[in-house]
Protein backbone atom coordinates (compact mmCIF):
# COMPACT_ATOMS: atom_id res chain seq x y z
CA MET A 1 -23.62 -7.56 2.16
CA SER A 2 -20.27 -7.64 0.37
CA TYR A 3 -17.56 -10.23 0.83
CA VAL A 4 -14.20 -9.05 2.18
CA HIS A 5 -11.21 -11.28 1.52
CA HIS A 6 -9.29 -12.43 4.58
CA PHE A 7 -5.57 -11.93 3.94
CA SER A 8 -3.26 -14.68 5.13
CA VAL A 9 0.22 -13.87 6.41
CA ALA A 10 1.68 -15.31 3.19
CA GLU A 11 -0.51 -13.01 1.09
CA LYS A 12 0.50 -9.99 3.15
CA GLN A 13 4.18 -10.89 2.70
CA THR A 14 3.69 -11.24 -1.06
CA LEU A 15 2.01 -7.82 -1.24
CA LEU A 16 4.89 -6.26 0.67
CA ARG A 17 7.49 -7.90 -1.61
CA PHE A 18 5.64 -6.52 -4.64
CA PHE A 19 5.18 -2.93 -3.45
CA VAL A 20 8.27 -2.38 -1.25
CA GLN A 21 11.88 -2.22 -2.45
CA GLY A 22 14.59 -1.24 0.02
CA GLY A 23 12.27 0.78 2.25
CA TYR A 24 10.62 2.54 -0.69
CA VAL A 25 7.04 2.03 -1.83
CA LEU A 26 6.82 2.23 -5.63
CA ASP A 27 8.06 5.71 -6.61
CA PHE A 28 6.38 7.68 -3.82
CA SER A 29 8.14 10.60 -2.17
CA ASP A 30 7.28 11.12 1.50
CA SER A 31 4.69 13.76 0.67
CA ASP A 32 3.20 11.70 -2.21
CA PHE A 33 2.94 8.67 0.10
CA ASP A 34 1.11 10.70 2.74
CA ARG A 35 -1.19 12.32 0.16
CA PHE A 36 -1.96 8.97 -1.52
CA PHE A 37 -2.98 7.17 1.68
CA SER A 38 -4.81 10.20 3.03
CA GLY A 39 -6.89 10.15 -0.15
CA VAL A 40 -7.39 6.37 -0.11
CA LEU A 41 -7.94 5.70 3.59
CA GLY A 42 -8.69 9.16 4.93
CA ARG A 43 -5.49 9.11 7.00
CA THR A 44 -1.77 8.85 6.57
CA ILE A 45 -0.19 5.51 7.44
CA ARG A 46 3.40 6.72 7.81
CA VAL A 47 4.85 5.98 11.22
CA LYS A 48 7.37 8.42 12.66
CA ASP A 49 10.97 7.17 12.36
CA LEU A 50 10.00 4.33 9.98
CA SER A 51 10.59 4.16 6.24
CA LYS A 52 7.63 4.19 3.88
CA GLY A 53 8.11 0.44 3.39
CA LYS A 54 8.11 -0.30 7.11
CA SER A 55 5.11 2.01 7.56
CA LEU A 56 3.20 0.10 4.88
CA GLU A 57 4.17 -3.18 6.56
CA HIS A 58 2.93 -1.90 9.91
CA SER A 59 -0.32 -0.79 8.31
CA ILE A 60 -0.89 -4.09 6.50
CA TYR A 61 -0.44 -6.06 9.72
CA SER A 62 -2.59 -3.72 11.83
CA SER A 63 -5.41 -2.72 9.47
CA SER A 64 -8.67 -4.47 8.75
CA ASP A 65 -8.92 -6.73 5.72
CA GLU A 66 -11.39 -4.23 4.23
CA GLU A 67 -8.83 -1.41 4.47
CA ILE A 68 -6.09 -3.64 3.06
CA SER A 69 -8.30 -4.63 0.12
CA PHE A 70 -9.13 -1.04 -0.70
CA ALA A 71 -5.52 0.15 -0.36
CA VAL A 72 -4.16 -2.72 -2.47
CA LYS A 73 -6.74 -2.03 -5.19
CA GLU A 74 -5.67 1.61 -5.30
CA LEU A 75 -1.94 0.75 -5.20
CA LEU A 76 -2.41 -1.65 -8.12
CA ASN A 77 -4.29 1.02 -10.05
CA TYR A 78 -1.45 3.48 -9.35
CA TYR A 79 1.08 0.87 -10.50
CA LYS A 80 -0.89 0.21 -13.67
CA CYS A 81 -1.23 3.90 -14.52
CA ASN A 82 2.33 4.93 -13.64
CA PHE A 83 4.44 1.93 -14.59
CA LEU A 84 2.63 -0.37 -17.02
CA MET A 85 1.04 2.34 -19.16
CA MET A 86 4.37 4.15 -19.55
CA ASN A 87 5.80 1.13 -21.39
CA LEU A 88 3.14 1.05 -24.11
């Protein structure tokens, strides 16, 4: 049996501040955002008429801690590969 971290509201807010800037999530286009989360979670998380940032917020507050953990791990990996490695 594996342990799944329980995310507090403060932790969820911190994650959103890190990944979301002005309605955008990292450097994802709409189609990249949909493709990324479809690959990670098996479904898109974008909500009609909401920005990518607001869609991620909705997902973080409505998903299980297991889904959040997996998505955050993959978002951090994407960030590492696409932002940190480019500055080496």
